[in-house]
Amino acid sequence: MTGFESLDQFGWASVWLLGLSVGFTTCTAVCLPFLGTWALGQGQGGAAAARDTAVFAAGKIAAYAVLGGAAGLVGEALLYWLKGDVGHWLIALTAIFSGIWLVLPRQAHRRCGMSRNQRLSPFSMGFALSFTPCAPLAALLAASASTGDLLVGAVYGTLFGLGAALTPLFIVIPLLGKLGLKLQQDKPWMGQWLLWMGGAVLILIGLRRLQLIF
């Protein structure tokens, strides 16, 4: 049986539905503090927050494709590796980086060759948070490992990611972006305060994750 015959036997829709179960449960609960804090701190309105959410979802799809392909290549050894602290490390460092990036002056962003409007942090948050252990992710990796094929495993992961990308975050995050913009319009001094508060919260979340490791 080829890898793609195995995929067809398991069911394309089944993999997508497995990801969908994550998008409407675990993903929303785990990801909201990260992306919600970012959107509120940015305060650039609903449209900008929606774009950030789409980039965040793209980061998750990319991560699941990588994880599925890796499981297809190395087998169930990846499952044991992910049970360690790699997820906590990735999430912690990404949260700290995003918090620092949020509060950096725009001049510093330009010196780095990037503007505040670029979507590096939402993508990296989506990628890192995909390493959060959960039963559907374990099922995806086990199914990918059973194929023994990097390409088919990556297809599994992509289908899973496309399901996980459909999340209530696409409703909640733009509302938070609108709220941040409204607060700044009513009270201009709130803009910098929101940036600093958002950055501080993300850094604290990251430090809390590091505390769990040690």
N, C-alpha and C. Protein backbone atom coordinates (compact mmCIF):
# COMPACT_ATOMS: atom_id res chain seq x y z
N MET A 1 0.85 -1.20 0.00
CA MET A 1 0.00 0.00 0.00
C MET A 1 0.88 1.24 0.00
N THR A 2 0.64 2.16 -0.91
CA THR A 2 1.41 3.40 -0.94
C THR A 2 0.93 4.35 0.14
N GLY A 3 1.73 5.41 0.36
CA GLY A 3 1.36 6.38 1.37
C GLY A 3 0.03 7.04 1.09
N PHE A 4 -0.21 7.38 -0.19
CA PHE A 4 -1.44 8.08 -0.52
C PHE A 4 -2.65 7.15 -0.46
N GLU A 5 -2.45 5.86 -0.71
CA GLU A 5 -3.54 4.90 -0.51
C GLU A 5 -3.89 4.81 0.97
N SER A 6 -2.85 4.87 1.83
CA SER A 6 -3.09 4.87 3.27
C SER A 6 -3.86 6.11 3.69
N LEU A 7 -3.50 7.24 3.10
CA LEU A 7 -4.20 8.50 3.41
C LEU A 7 -5.65 8.41 3.00
N ASP A 8 -5.89 7.84 1.81
CA ASP A 8 -7.26 7.72 1.33
C ASP A 8 -8.06 6.78 2.23
N GLN A 9 -7.39 5.71 2.72
CA GLN A 9 -8.07 4.76 3.60
C GLN A 9 -8.43 5.42 4.93
N PHE A 10 -7.53 6.20 5.47
CA PHE A 10 -7.81 6.87 6.74
C PHE A 10 -8.92 7.91 6.57
N GLY A 11 -8.92 8.58 5.39
CA GLY A 11 -9.98 9.53 5.12
C GLY A 11 -9.49 10.96 5.18
N TRP A 12 -9.52 11.62 4.02
CA TRP A 12 -9.11 13.02 3.96
C TRP A 12 -9.97 13.87 4.89
N ALA A 13 -11.27 13.63 4.84
CA ALA A 13 -12.19 14.41 5.67
C ALA A 13 -11.96 14.15 7.16
N SER A 14 -11.58 12.91 7.50
CA SER A 14 -11.36 12.58 8.90
C SER A 14 -10.21 13.39 9.49
N VAL A 15 -9.14 13.55 8.71
CA VAL A 15 -8.00 14.34 9.19
C VAL A 15 -8.41 15.80 9.37
N TRP A 16 -9.16 16.31 8.41
CA TRP A 16 -9.61 17.70 8.49
C TRP A 16 -10.52 17.90 9.70
N LEU A 17 -11.44 16.97 9.94
CA LEU A 17 -12.35 17.07 11.09
C LEU A 17 -11.59 16.98 12.41
N LEU A 18 -10.53 16.18 12.41
CA LEU A 18 -9.70 16.09 13.61
C LEU A 18 -9.09 17.45 13.92
N GLY A 19 -8.61 18.13 12.88
CA GLY A 19 -8.08 19.48 13.08
C GLY A 19 -9.16 20.46 13.49
N LEU A 20 -10.34 20.31 12.91
CA LEU A 20 -11.45 21.20 13.25
C LEU A 20 -11.81 21.09 14.72
N SER A 21 -11.70 19.88 15.28
CA SER A 21 -12.00 19.70 16.70
C SER A 21 -11.03 20.49 17.57
N VAL A 22 -9.81 20.68 17.07
CA VAL A 22 -8.83 21.50 17.80
C VAL A 22 -9.17 22.98 17.67
N GLY A 23 -9.52 23.39 16.45
CA GLY A 23 -9.79 24.80 16.19
C GLY A 23 -10.92 25.35 17.03
N PHE A 24 -11.92 24.52 17.33
CA PHE A 24 -13.07 25.01 18.07
C PHE A 24 -13.00 24.70 19.57
N THR A 25 -11.92 24.08 20.00
CA THR A 25 -11.80 23.77 21.44
C THR A 25 -10.44 24.25 21.96
N THR A 26 -9.45 23.39 21.87
CA THR A 26 -8.14 23.66 22.45
C THR A 26 -7.52 24.94 21.90
N CYS A 27 -7.59 25.12 20.58
CA CYS A 27 -6.92 26.26 19.96
C CYS A 27 -7.43 27.58 20.51
N THR A 28 -8.75 27.72 20.58
CA THR A 28 -9.32 28.99 21.05
C THR A 28 -8.91 29.28 22.48
N ALA A 29 -9.00 28.27 23.33
CA ALA A 29 -8.70 28.47 24.75
C ALA A 29 -7.23 28.78 24.99
N VAL A 30 -6.35 28.09 24.28
CA VAL A 30 -4.91 28.24 24.50
C VAL A 30 -4.36 29.49 23.81
N CYS A 31 -4.88 29.78 22.61
CA CYS A 31 -4.30 30.84 21.79
C CYS A 31 -4.83 32.23 22.10
N LEU A 32 -6.03 32.33 22.66
CA LEU A 32 -6.64 33.63 22.90
C LEU A 32 -5.79 34.56 23.75
N PRO A 33 -5.20 34.10 24.86
CA PRO A 33 -4.37 35.03 25.66
C PRO A 33 -3.19 35.61 24.88
N PHE A 34 -2.65 34.83 23.95
CA PHE A 34 -1.49 35.30 23.18
C PHE A 34 -1.92 36.28 22.09
N LEU A 35 -2.74 35.80 21.17
CA LEU A 35 -3.13 36.63 20.03
C LEU A 35 -4.06 37.76 20.46
N GLY A 36 -4.90 37.52 21.46
CA GLY A 36 -5.78 38.57 21.95
C GLY A 36 -5.01 39.72 22.57
N THR A 37 -3.99 39.40 23.34
CA THR A 37 -3.15 40.43 23.94
C THR A 37 -2.42 41.22 22.86
N TRP A 38 -1.93 40.53 21.85
CA TRP A 38 -1.25 41.19 20.74
C TRP A 38 -2.19 42.17 20.03
N ALA A 39 -3.40 41.71 19.68
CA ALA A 39 -4.34 42.54 18.93
C ALA A 39 -4.79 43.75 19.74
N LEU A 40 -5.07 43.55 21.02
CA LEU A 40 -5.50 44.66 21.86
C LEU A 40 -4.38 45.67 22.03
N GLY A 41 -3.16 45.17 22.23
CA GLY A 41 -2.01 46.06 22.39
C GLY A 41 -1.71 46.85 21.13
N GLN A 42 -1.81 46.19 19.97
CA GLN A 42 -1.60 46.89 18.71
C GLN A 42 -2.65 47.97 18.50
N GLY A 43 -3.90 47.64 18.79
CA GLY A 43 -4.97 48.62 18.67
C GLY A 43 -5.10 49.23 17.29
N GLN A 44 -4.94 48.42 16.24
CA GLN A 44 -4.97 48.94 14.88
C GLN A 44 -6.31 48.69 14.18
N GLY A 45 -7.30 48.24 14.92
CA GLY A 45 -8.63 48.06 14.34
C GLY A 45 -8.93 46.62 13.96
N GLY A 46 -10.18 46.40 13.57
CA GLY A 46 -10.63 45.06 13.27
C GLY A 46 -10.00 44.45 12.04
N ALA A 47 -9.80 45.24 10.98
CA ALA A 47 -9.22 44.71 9.74
C ALA A 47 -7.79 44.23 9.95
N ALA A 48 -6.98 45.03 10.66
CA ALA A 48 -5.60 44.64 10.94
C ALA A 48 -5.56 43.40 11.83
N ALA A 49 -6.45 43.34 12.82
CA ALA A 49 -6.49 42.18 13.70
C ALA A 49 -6.92 40.93 12.94
N ALA A 50 -7.84 41.08 11.98
CA ALA A 50 -8.26 39.94 11.16
C ALA A 50 -7.10 39.43 10.32
N ARG A 51 -6.29 40.36 9.78
CA ARG A 51 -5.12 39.94 9.01
C ARG A 51 -4.11 39.21 9.91
N ASP A 52 -3.92 39.73 11.12
CA ASP A 52 -3.03 39.06 12.06
C ASP A 52 -3.53 37.65 12.38
N THR A 53 -4.85 37.50 12.51
CA THR A 53 -5.42 36.19 12.79
C THR A 53 -5.20 35.24 11.63
N ALA A 54 -5.32 35.75 10.40
CA ALA A 54 -5.08 34.91 9.22
C ALA A 54 -3.61 34.46 9.16
N VAL A 55 -2.70 35.38 9.49
CA VAL A 55 -1.27 35.03 9.50
C VAL A 55 -0.98 34.04 10.63
N PHE A 56 -1.63 34.25 11.77
CA PHE A 56 -1.52 33.31 12.89
C PHE A 56 -1.96 31.91 12.44
N ALA A 57 -3.09 31.83 11.74
CA ALA A 57 -3.59 30.55 11.24
C ALA A 57 -2.61 29.93 10.25
N ALA A 58 -1.99 30.78 9.41
CA ALA A 58 -0.99 30.27 8.47
C ALA A 58 0.20 29.66 9.20
N GLY A 59 0.58 30.28 10.31
CA GLY A 59 1.66 29.72 11.12
C GLY A 59 1.31 28.35 11.67
N LYS A 60 0.05 28.17 12.07
CA LYS A 60 -0.38 26.88 12.58
C LYS A 60 -0.39 25.82 11.47
N ILE A 61 -0.88 26.20 10.29
CA ILE A 61 -0.90 25.25 9.18
C ILE A 61 0.53 24.81 8.83
N ALA A 62 1.44 25.78 8.79
CA ALA A 62 2.84 25.46 8.49
C ALA A 62 3.43 24.52 9.53
N ALA A 63 3.14 24.78 10.80
CA ALA A 63 3.68 23.94 11.87
C ALA A 63 3.14 22.52 11.79
N TYR A 64 1.84 22.38 11.56
CA TYR A 64 1.26 21.04 11.49
C TYR A 64 1.79 20.28 10.27
N ALA A 65 2.02 21.00 9.16
CA ALA A 65 2.61 20.34 7.99
C ALA A 65 4.01 19.82 8.32
N VAL A 66 4.80 20.64 9.02
CA VAL A 66 6.15 20.23 9.42
C VAL A 66 6.09 19.04 10.38
N LEU A 67 5.20 19.11 11.37
CA LEU A 67 5.09 18.02 12.34
C LEU A 67 4.62 16.73 11.68
N GLY A 68 3.61 16.84 10.80
CA GLY A 68 3.13 15.64 10.11
C GLY A 68 4.21 15.03 9.24
N GLY A 69 4.94 15.87 8.50
CA GLY A 69 6.01 15.35 7.67
C GLY A 69 7.12 14.72 8.49
N ALA A 70 7.46 15.36 9.62
CA ALA A 70 8.51 14.80 10.49
C ALA A 70 8.08 13.46 11.07
N ALA A 71 6.80 13.34 11.45
CA ALA A 71 6.30 12.07 11.98
C ALA A 71 6.33 10.99 10.91
N GLY A 72 5.98 11.36 9.67
CA GLY A 72 6.06 10.40 8.58
C GLY A 72 7.47 9.94 8.31
N LEU A 73 8.44 10.81 8.59
CA LEU A 73 9.84 10.49 8.33
C LEU A 73 10.48 9.68 9.45
N VAL A 74 10.28 10.11 10.72
CA VAL A 74 10.98 9.48 11.84
C VAL A 74 10.10 8.54 12.65
N GLY A 75 8.80 8.52 12.36
CA GLY A 75 7.91 7.60 13.07
C GLY A 75 7.49 8.12 14.43
N GLU A 76 7.11 7.21 15.29
CA GLU A 76 6.53 7.58 16.58
C GLU A 76 7.55 8.16 17.55
N ALA A 77 8.82 8.15 17.18
CA ALA A 77 9.84 8.78 18.03
C ALA A 77 9.52 10.25 18.24
N LEU A 78 8.87 10.87 17.25
CA LEU A 78 8.51 12.28 17.38
C LEU A 78 7.52 12.50 18.52
N LEU A 79 6.63 11.54 18.73
CA LEU A 79 5.66 11.65 19.82
C LEU A 79 6.35 11.75 21.16
N TYR A 80 7.37 10.93 21.37
CA TYR A 80 8.09 10.95 22.65
C TYR A 80 8.89 12.25 22.80
N TRP A 81 9.42 12.75 21.69
CA TRP A 81 10.17 14.00 21.73
C TRP A 81 9.27 15.16 22.12
N LEU A 82 8.05 15.19 21.57
CA LEU A 82 7.13 16.29 21.86
C LEU A 82 6.59 16.23 23.29
N LYS A 83 6.66 15.07 23.93
CA LYS A 83 6.20 14.97 25.31
C LYS A 83 7.16 15.66 26.28
N GLY A 84 8.32 16.05 25.78
CA GLY A 84 9.27 16.78 26.61
C GLY A 84 8.90 18.25 26.70
N ASP A 85 9.91 19.09 26.85
CA ASP A 85 9.67 20.51 27.09
C ASP A 85 9.80 21.37 25.83
N VAL A 86 9.92 20.74 24.67
CA VAL A 86 10.14 21.54 23.45
C VAL A 86 9.00 22.52 23.21
N GLY A 87 7.75 22.07 23.45
CA GLY A 87 6.61 22.96 23.25
C GLY A 87 6.65 24.16 24.18
N HIS A 88 6.95 23.90 25.45
CA HIS A 88 7.03 24.99 26.43
C HIS A 88 8.12 26.00 26.04
N TRP A 89 9.27 25.48 25.59
CA TRP A 89 10.36 26.36 25.19
C TRP A 89 9.95 27.25 24.02
N LEU A 90 9.37 26.64 23.00
CA LEU A 90 8.97 27.40 21.82
C LEU A 90 7.95 28.48 22.16
N ILE A 91 6.93 28.09 22.93
CA ILE A 91 5.87 29.03 23.28
C ILE A 91 6.40 30.15 24.17
N ALA A 92 7.24 29.78 25.15
CA ALA A 92 7.78 30.79 26.07
C ALA A 92 8.63 31.81 25.33
N LEU A 93 9.54 31.34 24.50
CA LEU A 93 10.45 32.26 23.80
C LEU A 93 9.69 33.12 22.79
N THR A 94 8.68 32.53 22.13
CA THR A 94 7.89 33.31 21.17
C THR A 94 7.08 34.39 21.88
N ALA A 95 6.50 34.06 23.04
CA ALA A 95 5.73 35.05 23.79
C ALA A 95 6.63 36.20 24.26
N ILE A 96 7.81 35.88 24.75
CA ILE A 96 8.73 36.92 25.22
C ILE A 96 9.18 37.79 24.04
N PHE A 97 9.52 37.16 22.92
CA PHE A 97 9.92 37.92 21.73
C PHE A 97 8.79 38.85 21.28
N SER A 98 7.57 38.32 21.24
CA SER A 98 6.43 39.12 20.78
C SER A 98 6.18 40.30 21.72
N GLY A 99 6.32 40.06 23.02
CA GLY A 99 6.13 41.14 23.99
C GLY A 99 7.15 42.24 23.81
N ILE A 100 8.41 41.85 23.60
CA ILE A 100 9.47 42.85 23.39
C ILE A 100 9.24 43.59 22.08
N TRP A 101 8.85 42.85 21.03
CA TRP A 101 8.62 43.47 19.72
C TRP A 101 7.48 44.47 19.79
N LEU A 102 6.47 44.15 20.61
CA LEU A 102 5.31 45.02 20.71
C LEU A 102 5.67 46.39 21.28
N VAL A 103 6.59 46.42 22.22
CA VAL A 103 6.90 47.69 22.89
C VAL A 103 8.10 48.41 22.30
N LEU A 104 8.80 47.77 21.35
CA LEU A 104 9.94 48.45 20.73
C LEU A 104 9.48 49.70 19.99
N PRO A 105 10.22 50.78 20.09
CA PRO A 105 9.88 51.97 19.28
C PRO A 105 9.94 51.65 17.80
N ARG A 106 9.16 52.36 17.03
CA ARG A 106 9.12 52.10 15.59
C ARG A 106 10.47 52.31 14.94
N GLN A 107 11.28 53.22 15.48
CA GLN A 107 12.60 53.45 14.93
C GLN A 107 13.45 52.17 15.02
N ALA A 108 13.29 51.44 16.14
CA ALA A 108 14.04 50.19 16.30
C ALA A 108 13.57 49.15 15.30
N HIS A 109 12.28 49.14 15.00
CA HIS A 109 11.76 48.21 14.00
C HIS A 109 12.38 48.49 12.64
N ARG A 110 12.51 49.78 12.32
CA ARG A 110 13.08 50.14 11.02
C ARG A 110 14.56 49.74 10.95
N ARG A 111 15.26 49.89 12.09
CA ARG A 111 16.67 49.49 12.09
C ARG A 111 16.82 47.99 11.88
N CYS A 112 15.81 47.23 12.32
CA CYS A 112 15.81 45.79 12.10
C CYS A 112 15.38 45.44 10.68
N GLY A 113 15.00 46.45 9.92
CA GLY A 113 14.55 46.20 8.55
C GLY A 113 13.11 45.75 8.47
N MET A 114 12.32 45.97 9.54
CA MET A 114 10.93 45.52 9.57
C MET A 114 10.07 46.61 10.18
N SER A 115 8.82 46.65 9.80
CA SER A 115 7.88 47.61 10.36
C SER A 115 6.94 46.91 11.31
N ARG A 116 6.29 47.69 12.17
CA ARG A 116 5.35 47.12 13.12
C ARG A 116 4.20 46.41 12.42
N ASN A 117 3.90 46.82 11.19
CA ASN A 117 2.76 46.23 10.49
C ASN A 117 3.05 44.85 9.94
N GLN A 118 4.29 44.45 9.89
CA GLN A 118 4.58 43.11 9.40
C GLN A 118 4.13 42.07 10.42
N ARG A 119 3.88 40.85 9.94
CA ARG A 119 3.16 39.86 10.73
C ARG A 119 4.05 38.78 11.31
N LEU A 120 5.29 39.12 11.61
CA LEU A 120 6.22 38.11 12.11
C LEU A 120 5.73 37.47 13.39
N SER A 121 5.31 38.28 14.37
CA SER A 121 4.92 37.73 15.66
C SER A 121 3.66 36.87 15.58
N PRO A 122 2.59 37.29 14.91
CA PRO A 122 1.43 36.39 14.80
C PRO A 122 1.78 35.05 14.15
N PHE A 123 2.61 35.07 13.11
CA PHE A 123 2.99 33.81 12.45
C PHE A 123 3.77 32.93 13.42
N SER A 124 4.75 33.53 14.12
CA SER A 124 5.57 32.74 15.04
C SER A 124 4.75 32.22 16.20
N MET A 125 3.77 33.01 16.67
CA MET A 125 2.90 32.53 17.75
C MET A 125 2.07 31.35 17.28
N GLY A 126 1.49 31.46 16.07
CA GLY A 126 0.72 30.35 15.53
C GLY A 126 1.56 29.10 15.38
N PHE A 127 2.80 29.27 14.90
CA PHE A 127 3.69 28.12 14.71
C PHE A 127 4.01 27.47 16.05
N ALA A 128 4.44 28.28 17.02
CA ALA A 128 4.87 27.75 18.32
C ALA A 128 3.72 27.09 19.07
N LEU A 129 2.55 27.71 19.05
CA LEU A 129 1.42 27.17 19.81
C LEU A 129 0.90 25.86 19.25
N SER A 130 1.29 25.53 18.03
CA SER A 130 0.88 24.25 17.44
C SER A 130 1.58 23.08 18.12
N PHE A 131 2.62 23.36 18.89
CA PHE A 131 3.34 22.30 19.60
C PHE A 131 2.71 21.99 20.96
N THR A 132 1.58 22.63 21.26
CA THR A 132 0.88 22.33 22.51
C THR A 132 0.35 20.91 22.47
N PRO A 133 0.75 20.04 23.39
CA PRO A 133 0.29 18.64 23.34
C PRO A 133 -1.22 18.55 23.56
N CYS A 134 -1.87 17.73 22.75
CA CYS A 134 -3.29 17.44 22.94
C CYS A 134 -3.60 16.12 22.25
N ALA A 135 -4.74 15.51 22.58
CA ALA A 135 -5.09 14.20 22.02
C ALA A 135 -5.21 14.22 20.50
N PRO A 136 -5.86 15.23 19.89
CA PRO A 136 -5.94 15.24 18.42
C PRO A 136 -4.56 15.33 17.75
N LEU A 137 -3.65 16.12 18.33
CA LEU A 137 -2.31 16.23 17.76
C LEU A 137 -1.59 14.88 17.85
N ALA A 138 -1.74 14.19 18.98
CA ALA A 138 -1.14 12.86 19.12
C ALA A 138 -1.70 11.90 18.08
N ALA A 139 -3.01 11.99 17.82
CA ALA A 139 -3.63 11.13 16.82
C ALA A 139 -3.11 11.44 15.43
N LEU A 140 -2.93 12.73 15.14
CA LEU A 140 -2.38 13.14 13.84
C LEU A 140 -0.98 12.57 13.65
N LEU A 141 -0.13 12.71 14.67
CA LEU A 141 1.25 12.26 14.55
C LEU A 141 1.33 10.74 14.44
N ALA A 142 0.45 10.04 15.17
CA ALA A 142 0.43 8.58 15.07
C ALA A 142 0.01 8.14 13.67
N ALA A 143 -1.00 8.83 13.11
CA ALA A 143 -1.45 8.49 11.76
C ALA A 143 -0.36 8.80 10.74
N SER A 144 0.32 9.93 10.91
CA SER A 144 1.40 10.30 10.00
C SER A 144 2.56 9.31 10.10
N ALA A 145 2.87 8.91 11.32
CA ALA A 145 3.96 7.96 11.53
C ALA A 145 3.66 6.62 10.87
N SER A 146 2.38 6.24 10.86
CA SER A 146 2.00 4.95 10.29
C SER A 146 2.21 4.89 8.78
N THR A 147 2.29 6.05 8.12
CA THR A 147 2.49 6.07 6.68
C THR A 147 3.94 5.81 6.29
N GLY A 148 4.87 6.17 7.17
CA GLY A 148 6.28 6.02 6.85
C GLY A 148 6.71 6.85 5.66
N ASP A 149 6.01 7.96 5.43
CA ASP A 149 6.25 8.77 4.23
C ASP A 149 6.21 10.25 4.61
N LEU A 150 7.31 10.95 4.36
CA LEU A 150 7.39 12.37 4.71
C LEU A 150 6.32 13.18 4.00
N LEU A 151 6.15 12.97 2.70
CA LEU A 151 5.21 13.76 1.92
C LEU A 151 3.78 13.54 2.37
N VAL A 152 3.41 12.27 2.55
CA VAL A 152 2.04 11.98 2.98
C VAL A 152 1.80 12.51 4.39
N GLY A 153 2.81 12.38 5.26
CA GLY A 153 2.68 12.93 6.60
C GLY A 153 2.46 14.43 6.57
N ALA A 154 3.16 15.12 5.65
CA ALA A 154 2.98 16.57 5.52
C ALA A 154 1.58 16.90 5.02
N VAL A 155 1.03 16.05 4.12
CA VAL A 155 -0.34 16.26 3.65
C VAL A 155 -1.32 16.09 4.80
N TYR A 156 -1.11 15.05 5.61
CA TYR A 156 -1.92 14.88 6.82
C TYR A 156 -1.89 16.15 7.66
N GLY A 157 -0.68 16.64 7.91
CA GLY A 157 -0.52 17.82 8.76
C GLY A 157 -1.19 19.05 8.18
N THR A 158 -1.08 19.21 6.86
CA THR A 158 -1.71 20.36 6.22
C THR A 158 -3.22 20.31 6.33
N LEU A 159 -3.80 19.12 6.08
CA LEU A 159 -5.25 18.96 6.21
C LEU A 159 -5.70 19.24 7.65
N PHE A 160 -4.94 18.72 8.59
CA PHE A 160 -5.23 18.95 10.01
C PHE A 160 -5.17 20.45 10.31
N GLY A 161 -4.13 21.12 9.80
CA GLY A 161 -3.97 22.56 10.03
C GLY A 161 -5.10 23.37 9.42
N LEU A 162 -5.56 22.98 8.24
CA LEU A 162 -6.67 23.70 7.60
C LEU A 162 -7.94 23.59 8.44
N GLY A 163 -8.11 22.45 9.10
CA GLY A 163 -9.25 22.33 10.02
C GLY A 163 -9.06 23.17 11.27
N ALA A 164 -7.85 23.12 11.83
CA ALA A 164 -7.56 23.89 13.05
C ALA A 164 -7.62 25.39 12.80
N ALA A 165 -7.40 25.81 11.54
CA ALA A 165 -7.42 27.24 11.22
C ALA A 165 -8.81 27.84 11.30
N LEU A 166 -9.84 27.00 11.22
CA LEU A 166 -11.22 27.48 11.34
C LEU A 166 -11.56 27.58 12.82
N THR A 167 -11.49 28.75 13.36
CA THR A 167 -11.59 28.96 14.80
C THR A 167 -12.38 30.21 15.12
N PRO A 168 -13.05 30.25 16.26
CA PRO A 168 -13.74 31.48 16.69
C PRO A 168 -12.82 32.67 16.87
N LEU A 169 -11.51 32.43 16.85
CA LEU A 169 -10.58 33.55 16.96
C LEU A 169 -10.79 34.57 15.84
N PHE A 170 -11.29 34.12 14.69
CA PHE A 170 -11.55 35.04 13.58
C PHE A 170 -12.68 36.02 13.91
N ILE A 171 -13.46 35.72 14.94
CA ILE A 171 -14.50 36.64 15.40
C ILE A 171 -14.00 37.46 16.59
N VAL A 172 -13.36 36.78 17.53
CA VAL A 172 -12.97 37.41 18.79
C VAL A 172 -11.81 38.41 18.61
N ILE A 173 -10.79 38.01 17.85
CA ILE A 173 -9.59 38.85 17.73
C ILE A 173 -9.88 40.18 17.04
N PRO A 174 -10.63 40.22 15.92
CA PRO A 174 -10.97 41.52 15.35
C PRO A 174 -11.75 42.42 16.30
N LEU A 175 -12.60 41.84 17.14
CA LEU A 175 -13.32 42.64 18.13
C LEU A 175 -12.35 43.28 19.12
N LEU A 176 -11.32 42.53 19.52
CA LEU A 176 -10.32 43.09 20.43
C LEU A 176 -9.50 44.18 19.72
N GLY A 177 -9.21 43.98 18.43
CA GLY A 177 -8.51 45.01 17.67
C GLY A 177 -9.33 46.28 17.58
N LYS A 178 -10.64 46.13 17.37
CA LYS A 178 -11.54 47.29 17.34
C LYS A 178 -11.57 47.99 18.69
N LEU A 179 -11.61 47.21 19.76
CA LEU A 179 -11.63 47.78 21.10
C LEU A 179 -10.37 48.60 21.36
N GLY A 180 -9.21 48.04 20.99
CA GLY A 180 -7.96 48.76 21.18
C GLY A 180 -7.94 50.08 20.42
N LEU A 181 -8.44 50.07 19.18
CA LEU A 181 -8.48 51.29 18.39
C LEU A 181 -9.45 52.30 18.98
N LYS A 182 -10.60 51.83 19.45
CA LYS A 182 -11.61 52.72 20.05
C LYS A 182 -11.07 53.40 21.30
N LEU A 183 -10.36 52.63 22.12
CA LEU A 183 -9.79 53.20 23.34
C LEU A 183 -8.79 54.30 23.01
N GLN A 184 -8.01 54.10 21.95
CA GLN A 184 -7.03 55.11 21.57
C GLN A 184 -7.69 56.36 21.00
N GLN A 185 -8.78 56.17 20.27
CA GLN A 185 -9.49 57.32 19.69
C GLN A 185 -10.13 58.18 20.77
N ASP A 186 -10.68 57.51 21.79
CA ASP A 186 -11.32 58.25 22.88
C ASP A 186 -10.30 58.92 23.79
N LYS A 187 -9.19 58.21 24.01
CA LYS A 187 -8.14 58.72 24.90
C LYS A 187 -6.79 58.43 24.25
N PRO A 188 -6.25 59.39 23.52
CA PRO A 188 -5.01 59.16 22.76
C PRO A 188 -3.85 58.62 23.60
N TRP A 189 -3.78 59.00 24.87
CA TRP A 189 -2.69 58.53 25.71
C TRP A 189 -2.75 57.02 25.96
N MET A 190 -3.91 56.42 25.65
CA MET A 190 -4.07 54.98 25.88
C MET A 190 -3.23 54.15 24.92
N GLY A 191 -2.86 54.72 23.76
CA GLY A 191 -2.13 53.95 22.77
C GLY A 191 -0.84 53.36 23.30
N GLN A 192 0.00 54.22 23.88
CA GLN A 192 1.27 53.74 24.42
C GLN A 192 1.05 52.85 25.63
N TRP A 193 0.04 53.17 26.42
CA TRP A 193 -0.25 52.35 27.60
C TRP A 193 -0.65 50.94 27.19
N LEU A 194 -1.47 50.81 26.14
CA LEU A 194 -1.88 49.49 25.66
C LEU A 194 -0.69 48.70 25.14
N LEU A 195 0.21 49.38 24.43
CA LEU A 195 1.40 48.70 23.94
C LEU A 195 2.23 48.14 25.09
N TRP A 196 2.47 48.98 26.08
CA TRP A 196 3.28 48.54 27.21
C TRP A 196 2.60 47.44 28.02
N MET A 197 1.30 47.56 28.24
CA MET A 197 0.57 46.54 28.98
C MET A 197 0.55 45.22 28.20
N GLY A 198 0.28 45.30 26.89
CA GLY A 198 0.27 44.10 26.06
C GLY A 198 1.62 43.42 26.05
N GLY A 199 2.69 44.22 25.89
CA GLY A 199 4.03 43.65 25.91
C GLY A 199 4.35 42.99 27.23
N ALA A 200 3.98 43.65 28.33
CA ALA A 200 4.25 43.10 29.66
C ALA A 200 3.52 41.78 29.88
N VAL A 201 2.27 41.72 29.44
CA VAL A 201 1.49 40.49 29.61
C VAL A 201 2.11 39.35 28.82
N LEU A 202 2.51 39.60 27.57
CA LEU A 202 3.12 38.54 26.76
C LEU A 202 4.43 38.07 27.37
N ILE A 203 5.23 39.00 27.87
CA ILE A 203 6.49 38.61 28.50
C ILE A 203 6.24 37.79 29.75
N LEU A 204 5.25 38.18 30.55
CA LEU A 204 4.91 37.42 31.76
C LEU A 204 4.41 36.02 31.42
N ILE A 205 3.61 35.92 30.34
CA ILE A 205 3.15 34.59 29.91
C ILE A 205 4.35 33.72 29.54
N GLY A 206 5.30 34.31 28.81
CA GLY A 206 6.49 33.57 28.44
C GLY A 206 7.32 33.14 29.64
N LEU A 207 7.49 34.04 30.60
CA LEU A 207 8.25 33.71 31.80
C LEU A 207 7.56 32.63 32.62
N ARG A 208 6.22 32.67 32.63
CA ARG A 208 5.46 31.64 33.32
C ARG A 208 5.70 30.27 32.68
N ARG A 209 5.75 30.23 31.35
CA ARG A 209 6.04 28.98 30.66
C ARG A 209 7.44 28.47 31.01
N LEU A 210 8.41 29.38 31.10
CA LEU A 210 9.76 28.98 31.49
C LEU A 210 9.77 28.43 32.91
N GLN A 211 8.98 29.03 33.77
CA GLN A 211 8.88 28.56 35.15
C GLN A 211 8.36 27.12 35.20
N LEU A 212 7.43 26.79 34.30
CA LEU A 212 6.89 25.43 34.26
C LEU A 212 7.96 24.42 33.84
N ILE A 213 8.92 24.88 33.03
CA ILE A 213 9.98 23.98 32.58
C ILE A 213 10.94 23.68 33.73
N PHE A 214 11.27 24.74 34.49
CA PHE A 214 12.27 24.56 35.55
C PHE A 214 11.62 24.22 36.88
